[in-house]
Amino acid sequence: MSGYLDKPQSHENSDAKARRKLLDQRRMEYRRAIEAHAEQRRLQQQWVDYPELIAANYLAGKQTTAQRNAPPGR
């Protein structure tokens, strides 16, 4: 009879482990999202400190795009 009782308990334990694992995965995804958001905010704050870099990158991107879109010379 003890064998009969042990099997449902092991099934319950595996279900509990699976639920715990799923919760841990969700918790880690949430934590990574918070860290990514914090990192993005930190980087944006650094860019705000140097507006001339933003303008320089914008102009460099425009020039590169214009060069790619220009027709080839003969």
C-alpha atoms as a PDB file:
ATOM      1  CA  MET A   1       0.000   0.000   0.000  1.00  0.00           C
ATOM      2  CA  SER A   2       2.863   2.360   0.648  1.00  0.00           C
ATOM      3  CA  GLY A   3       3.881   2.027  -3.015  1.00  0.00           C
ATOM      4  CA  TYR A   4       0.432   3.185  -4.011  1.00  0.00           C
ATOM      5  CA  LEU A   5       0.715   6.283  -1.832  1.00  0.00           C
ATOM      6  CA  ASP A   6       4.237   7.114  -2.977  1.00  0.00           C
ATOM      7  CA  LYS A   7       3.356   7.418  -6.657  1.00  0.00           C
ATOM      8  CA  PRO A   8       0.766  10.221  -6.328  1.00  0.00           C
ATOM      9  CA  GLN A   9       3.103  12.116  -4.011  1.00  0.00           C
ATOM     10  CA  SER A  10       5.945  11.957  -6.537  1.00  0.00           C
ATOM     11  CA  HIS A  11       3.518  13.188  -9.207  1.00  0.00           C
ATOM     12  CA  GLU A  12       2.498  16.051  -6.942  1.00  0.00           C
ATOM     13  CA  ASN A  13       6.154  16.852  -6.296  1.00  0.00           C
ATOM     14  CA  SER A  14       6.918  16.936 -10.014  1.00  0.00           C
ATOM     15  CA  ASP A  15       3.911  19.223 -10.581  1.00  0.00           C
ATOM     16  CA  ALA A  16       5.119  21.523  -7.820  1.00  0.00           C
ATOM     17  CA  LYS A  17       8.620  21.534  -9.303  1.00  0.00           C
ATOM     18  CA  ALA A  18       7.235  22.337 -12.749  1.00  0.00           C
ATOM     19  CA  ARG A  19       5.150  25.203 -11.358  1.00  0.00           C
ATOM     20  CA  ARG A  20       8.130  26.516  -9.404  1.00  0.00           C
ATOM     21  CA  LYS A  21      10.325  26.312 -12.491  1.00  0.00           C
ATOM     22  CA  LEU A  22       7.744  28.200 -14.563  1.00  0.00           C
ATOM     23  CA  LEU A  23       7.462  30.887 -11.879  1.00  0.00           C
ATOM     24  CA  ASP A  24      11.253  31.178 -11.744  1.00  0.00           C
ATOM     25  CA  GLN A  25      11.408  31.575 -15.528  1.00  0.00           C
ATOM     26  CA  ARG A  26       8.763  34.295 -15.451  1.00  0.00           C
ATOM     27  CA  ARG A  27      10.525  36.025 -12.587  1.00  0.00           C
ATOM     28  CA  MET A  28      13.838  35.984 -14.475  1.00  0.00           C
ATOM     29  CA  GLU A  29      12.205  37.339 -17.656  1.00  0.00           C
ATOM     30  CA  TYR A  30      10.679  40.145 -15.618  1.00  0.00           C
ATOM     31  CA  ARG A  31      14.007  40.870 -13.947  1.00  0.00           C
ATOM     32  CA  ARG A  32      15.819  40.937 -17.309  1.00  0.00           C
ATOM     33  CA  ALA A  33      13.190  43.304 -18.696  1.00  0.00           C
ATOM     34  CA  ILE A  34      13.648  45.645 -15.734  1.00  0.00           C
ATOM     35  CA  GLU A  35      17.440  45.543 -16.124  1.00  0.00           C
ATOM     36  CA  ALA A  36      17.191  46.179 -19.874  1.00  0.00           C
ATOM     37  CA  HIS A  37      14.855  49.106 -19.257  1.00  0.00           C
ATOM     38  CA  ALA A  38      17.203  50.556 -16.630  1.00  0.00           C
ATOM     39  CA  GLU A  39      20.165  50.167 -18.996  1.00  0.00           C
ATOM     40  CA  GLN A  40      18.237  51.865 -21.807  1.00  0.00           C
ATOM     41  CA  ARG A  41      17.326  54.779 -19.547  1.00  0.00           C
ATOM     42  CA  ARG A  42      20.946  55.091 -18.410  1.00  0.00           C
ATOM     43  CA  LEU A  43      22.176  55.181 -22.012  1.00  0.00           C
ATOM     44  CA  GLN A  44      19.533  57.731 -22.988  1.00  0.00           C
ATOM     45  CA  GLN A  45      20.579  59.912 -20.059  1.00  0.00           C
ATOM     46  CA  GLN A  46      24.188  59.759 -21.240  1.00  0.00           C
ATOM     47  CA  TRP A  47      23.122  60.821 -24.740  1.00  0.00           C
ATOM     48  CA  VAL A  48      21.190  63.758 -23.305  1.00  0.00           C
ATOM     49  CA  ASP A  49      24.408  64.905 -21.663  1.00  0.00           C
ATOM     50  CA  TYR A  50      26.053  65.166 -25.113  1.00  0.00           C
ATOM     51  CA  PRO A  51      23.551  66.633 -27.597  1.00  0.00           C
ATOM     52  CA  GLU A  52      26.306  67.345 -30.110  1.00  0.00           C
ATOM     53  CA  LEU A  53      26.886  63.591 -30.449  1.00  0.00           C
ATOM     54  CA  ILE A  54      23.227  63.075 -31.250  1.00  0.00           C
ATOM     55  CA  ALA A  55      23.421  65.712 -33.989  1.00  0.00           C
ATOM     56  CA  ALA A  56      26.699  64.302 -35.348  1.00  0.00           C
ATOM     57  CA  ASN A  57      25.283  60.761 -35.498  1.00  0.00           C
ATOM     58  CA  TYR A  58      22.139  62.023 -37.179  1.00  0.00           C
ATOM     59  CA  LEU A  59      24.128  63.895 -39.837  1.00  0.00           C
ATOM     60  CA  ALA A  60      26.479  60.945 -40.393  1.00  0.00           C
ATOM     61  CA  GLY A  61      23.480  58.673 -40.889  1.00  0.00           C
ATOM     62  CA  LYS A  62      21.924  61.101 -43.363  1.00  0.00           C
ATOM     63  CA  GLN A  63      25.153  61.290 -45.372  1.00  0.00           C
ATOM     64  CA  THR A  64      25.482  57.513 -45.468  1.00  0.00           C
ATOM     65  CA  THR A  65      21.886  57.140 -46.624  1.00  0.00           C
ATOM     66  CA  ALA A  66      22.373  59.790 -49.308  1.00  0.00           C
ATOM     67  CA  GLN A  67      25.512  58.052 -50.578  1.00  0.00           C
ATOM     68  CA  ARG A  68      23.715  54.705 -50.790  1.00  0.00           C
ATOM     69  CA  ASN A  69      20.775  56.196 -52.643  1.00  0.00           C
ATOM     70  CA  ALA A  70      22.888  58.219 -55.103  1.00  0.00           C
ATOM     71  CA  PRO A  71      23.010  56.884 -58.661  1.00  0.00           C
ATOM     72  CA  PRO A  72      26.393  55.480 -59.669  1.00  0.00           C
ATOM     73  CA  GLY A  73      28.630  57.878 -61.638  1.00  0.00           C
ATOM     74  CA  ARG A  74      29.764  57.107 -65.163  1.00  0.00           C
END
